[in-house]
Amino acid sequence: MAPSETNLIAKFQKGDQRSETHIFNLYHRALFYFAASIIEDTEEARDIVAESFIKLWERRAHFSEMRSIKAFLYIATRNACFDFLKADKRKRASRKEMLYLADEAVPDEDIMHAEVKADITKLLLKEIEALPKQCRIIFKMIYFDELSTAEIATRLHLAKKTVLSQKARAVVLLKSALLKRKLMFLYGFVIVEYLN
């Protein structure tokens, strides 16, 4: 373990707020998309991830390396997502739900797959943040907040045509950026969820 990581862990174990913030910033966004991909409810996903960080903080003295912190956060988040799905009365019968609920003990490979997907999502998020301001705002409102074209037009005081053209522009710019970074092979894995 690198000296900087050892120092961070030592401070975290002692209750240092800066180290907690650092760890939060490191994993929060990826965990949110991990949770949202399982339960398909962004508000609940935010709450679940927040609870996972609270649980981590309460158990901070037991962690001696970043790898175990990351694993704990993913497992705590995953388990909370399963609990949410079990209690959910909507009776969605998606393949994903059936797969996860069929077995309490989800194989480590599934967690690894989710971590890889979350890491890839982080790469995509960097490209989204680099979009021109209006493109970025509209893209996030469509794909992350799940607002309709009409809702966005009303909120931003824009014509619907403008919203649609900015969405199209964002997609073109993202695809171009990914091509330049030779990341288009990821298109079918994660990016298709956002760009189609």
Protein backbone atom coordinates (compact mmCIF):
# COMPACT_ATOMS: atom_id res chain seq x y z
CA MET A 1 0.00 0.00 0.00
CA ALA A 2 1.36 3.44 -0.96
CA PRO A 3 2.33 5.82 1.90
CA SER A 4 -0.39 8.29 0.88
CA GLU A 5 -3.01 5.53 1.02
CA THR A 6 -1.74 4.36 4.42
CA ASN A 7 -1.95 7.92 5.70
CA LEU A 8 -5.48 8.36 4.31
CA ILE A 9 -6.69 5.12 5.91
CA ALA A 10 -5.11 6.00 9.27
CA LYS A 11 -6.84 9.38 9.29
CA PHE A 12 -10.13 7.85 8.19
CA GLN A 13 -10.01 5.29 11.01
CA LYS A 14 -9.54 8.13 13.49
CA GLY A 15 -12.59 9.98 12.19
CA ASP A 16 -10.93 12.62 10.04
CA GLN A 17 -13.61 14.45 8.01
CA ARG A 18 -11.31 15.31 5.09
CA SER A 19 -10.39 11.68 4.55
CA GLU A 20 -14.09 10.78 4.66
CA THR A 21 -14.83 13.43 2.03
CA HIS A 22 -11.96 12.13 -0.13
CA ILE A 23 -13.33 8.56 -0.01
CA PHE A 24 -16.85 9.83 -0.67
CA ASN A 25 -15.69 11.76 -3.74
CA LEU A 26 -13.74 8.75 -4.94
CA TYR A 27 -16.66 6.31 -4.99
CA HIS A 28 -19.96 8.17 -4.69
CA ARG A 29 -20.75 8.77 -8.33
CA ALA A 30 -19.87 5.25 -9.49
CA LEU A 31 -21.88 3.74 -6.62
CA PHE A 32 -24.87 5.88 -7.54
CA TYR A 33 -24.87 4.57 -11.11
CA PHE A 34 -24.30 1.04 -9.83
CA ALA A 35 -27.36 1.30 -7.55
CA ALA A 36 -29.48 3.06 -10.18
CA SER A 37 -28.68 0.33 -12.72
CA ILE A 38 -30.05 -2.31 -10.33
CA ILE A 39 -33.18 -0.65 -8.98
CA GLU A 40 -33.92 1.85 -11.78
CA ASP A 41 -34.98 4.51 -9.27
CA THR A 42 -32.59 7.46 -9.05
CA GLU A 43 -33.97 8.97 -5.84
CA GLU A 44 -33.88 5.67 -4.01
CA ALA A 45 -30.39 4.98 -5.43
CA ARG A 46 -29.13 8.26 -3.91
CA ASP A 47 -30.57 7.30 -0.51
CA ILE A 48 -29.11 3.80 -0.67
CA VAL A 49 -25.64 5.09 -1.49
CA ALA A 50 -25.83 7.68 1.29
CA GLU A 51 -26.76 4.90 3.74
CA SER A 52 -23.80 2.81 2.53
CA PHE A 53 -21.42 5.66 3.35
CA ILE A 54 -23.02 6.06 6.78
CA LYS A 55 -22.48 2.33 7.43
CA LEU A 56 -18.87 2.66 6.27
CA TRP A 57 -18.31 5.61 8.61
CA GLU A 58 -19.77 3.70 11.54
CA ARG A 59 -17.40 0.78 10.85
CA ARG A 60 -14.38 2.85 9.78
CA ALA A 61 -12.07 1.42 12.46
CA HIS A 62 -12.29 -2.02 10.83
CA PHE A 63 -10.83 -1.02 7.44
CA SER A 64 -7.12 -1.13 6.79
CA GLU A 65 -6.98 -0.70 2.99
CA MET A 66 -8.85 1.05 0.19
CA ARG A 67 -9.67 -2.23 -1.54
CA SER A 68 -11.69 -3.42 1.46
CA ILE A 69 -13.45 -0.03 1.70
CA LYS A 70 -14.44 -0.23 -1.97
CA ALA A 71 -15.65 -3.83 -1.61
CA PHE A 72 -17.68 -2.94 1.49
CA LEU A 73 -19.36 0.00 -0.26
CA TYR A 74 -20.31 -2.09 -3.30
CA ILE A 75 -21.59 -5.00 -1.20
CA ALA A 76 -23.56 -2.73 1.17
CA THR A 77 -25.06 -0.89 -1.79
CA ARG A 78 -25.87 -4.12 -3.62
CA ASN A 79 -27.56 -5.67 -0.57
CA ALA A 80 -29.61 -2.53 0.07
CA CYS A 81 -30.73 -2.57 -3.58
CA PHE A 82 -31.85 -6.20 -3.20
CA ASP A 83 -33.80 -5.31 -0.05
CA PHE A 84 -35.48 -2.48 -1.93
CA LEU A 85 -36.43 -4.76 -4.82
CA LYS A 86 -37.82 -7.40 -2.46
CA ALA A 87 -40.02 -4.84 -0.70
CA ASP A 88 -41.12 -3.24 -3.94
CA LYS A 89 -44.77 -3.94 -4.73
CA ARG A 90 -44.59 -3.00 -8.39
CA LYS A 91 -43.90 -6.62 -9.36
CA ARG A 92 -41.48 -5.83 -12.12
CA ALA A 93 -40.33 -9.07 -13.68
CA SER A 94 -37.22 -7.88 -15.46
CA ARG A 95 -34.49 -10.36 -16.20
CA LYS A 96 -32.11 -8.37 -14.01
CA GLU A 97 -34.37 -8.55 -10.97
CA MET A 98 -34.96 -12.28 -11.40
CA LEU A 99 -31.23 -12.90 -11.68
CA TYR A 100 -30.34 -10.96 -8.55
CA LEU A 101 -33.19 -12.19 -6.40
CA ALA A 102 -32.79 -15.82 -7.41
CA ASP A 103 -29.77 -16.18 -5.16
CA GLU A 104 -28.91 -14.24 -2.01
CA ALA A 105 -25.20 -14.85 -2.55
CA VAL A 106 -24.41 -13.11 -5.83
CA PRO A 107 -21.09 -14.37 -7.25
CA ASP A 108 -18.01 -12.15 -6.96
CA GLU A 109 -17.92 -12.00 -10.77
CA ASP A 110 -21.17 -10.01 -10.70
CA ILE A 111 -19.65 -7.47 -8.32
CA MET A 112 -16.52 -7.26 -10.50
CA HIS A 113 -18.71 -6.74 -13.58
CA ALA A 114 -20.60 -3.98 -11.77
CA GLU A 115 -17.34 -2.31 -10.71
CA VAL A 116 -16.04 -2.40 -14.29
CA LYS A 117 -19.33 -0.94 -15.52
CA ALA A 118 -19.13 1.78 -12.88
CA ASP A 119 -15.54 2.61 -13.89
CA ILE A 120 -16.58 2.84 -17.53
CA THR A 121 -19.48 5.07 -16.53
CA LYS A 122 -16.97 7.37 -14.80
CA LEU A 123 -15.10 7.72 -18.13
CA LEU A 124 -18.35 8.65 -19.84
CA LEU A 125 -19.19 11.16 -17.11
CA LYS A 126 -15.86 12.93 -17.69
CA GLU A 127 -16.79 13.37 -21.33
CA ILE A 128 -20.28 14.60 -20.38
CA GLU A 129 -18.75 17.22 -18.06
CA ALA A 130 -16.62 18.45 -20.98
CA LEU A 131 -19.67 19.20 -23.15
CA PRO A 132 -20.60 22.85 -23.86
CA LYS A 133 -22.72 24.22 -21.01
CA GLN A 134 -26.17 24.11 -22.60
CA CYS A 135 -25.53 20.68 -24.18
CA ARG A 136 -24.35 19.34 -20.83
CA ILE A 137 -27.33 20.69 -18.88
CA ILE A 138 -29.87 19.36 -21.37
CA PHE A 139 -28.15 15.99 -21.72
CA LYS A 140 -28.18 15.49 -17.93
CA MET A 141 -31.81 16.56 -17.63
CA ILE A 142 -32.85 14.07 -20.30
CA TYR A 143 -30.77 11.06 -19.33
CA PHE A 144 -30.19 11.46 -15.60
CA ASP A 145 -33.26 13.37 -14.41
CA GLU A 146 -35.46 11.61 -17.01
CA LEU A 147 -37.30 14.80 -17.94
CA SER A 148 -39.26 15.07 -21.17
CA THR A 149 -38.38 17.51 -23.94
CA ALA A 150 -41.41 19.61 -23.01
CA GLU A 151 -40.45 19.72 -19.31
CA ILE A 152 -36.90 20.80 -20.13
CA ALA A 153 -38.11 23.44 -22.59
CA THR A 154 -40.40 24.87 -19.90
CA ARG A 155 -37.76 24.83 -17.16
CA LEU A 156 -35.03 26.39 -19.31
CA HIS A 157 -37.37 28.74 -21.23
CA LEU A 158 -36.31 27.24 -24.55
CA ALA A 159 -38.11 26.04 -27.66
CA LYS A 160 -38.60 22.26 -27.89
CA LYS A 161 -36.62 22.36 -31.14
CA THR A 162 -33.67 23.86 -29.28
CA VAL A 163 -33.78 21.11 -26.65
CA LEU A 164 -33.84 18.41 -29.34
CA SER A 165 -30.99 19.99 -31.30
CA GLN A 166 -28.87 20.33 -28.15
CA LYS A 167 -29.54 16.69 -27.28
CA ALA A 168 -28.47 15.65 -30.80
CA ARG A 169 -25.38 17.85 -30.55
CA ALA A 170 -24.44 16.29 -27.20
CA VAL A 171 -24.71 12.79 -28.66
CA VAL A 172 -22.54 13.69 -31.65
CA LEU A 173 -19.90 15.35 -29.42
CA LEU A 174 -19.82 12.40 -27.01
CA LYS A 175 -19.45 9.85 -29.79
CA SER A 176 -16.68 11.94 -31.33
CA ALA A 177 -14.86 12.28 -28.00
CA LEU A 178 -15.08 8.54 -27.41
CA LEU A 179 -13.77 7.80 -30.90
CA LYS A 180 -10.79 10.08 -30.28
CA ARG A 181 -10.07 8.31 -27.00
CA LYS A 182 -10.52 4.93 -28.74
CA LEU A 183 -13.33 4.06 -26.34
CA MET A 184 -16.09 3.34 -28.84
CA PHE A 185 -15.73 -0.38 -28.10
CA LEU A 186 -17.53 0.50 -24.85
CA TYR A 187 -20.54 1.76 -26.79
CA GLY A 188 -22.54 -1.44 -26.55
CA PHE A 189 -21.55 -2.07 -22.94
CA VAL A 190 -22.61 1.10 -21.13
CA ILE A 191 -22.77 4.05 -23.44
CA VAL A 192 -25.69 2.72 -25.46
CA GLU A 193 -27.82 3.20 -22.34
CA TYR A 194 -27.27 6.96 -22.57
CA LEU A 195 -26.78 7.71 -26.25
CA ASN A 196 -29.69 5.84 -27.83
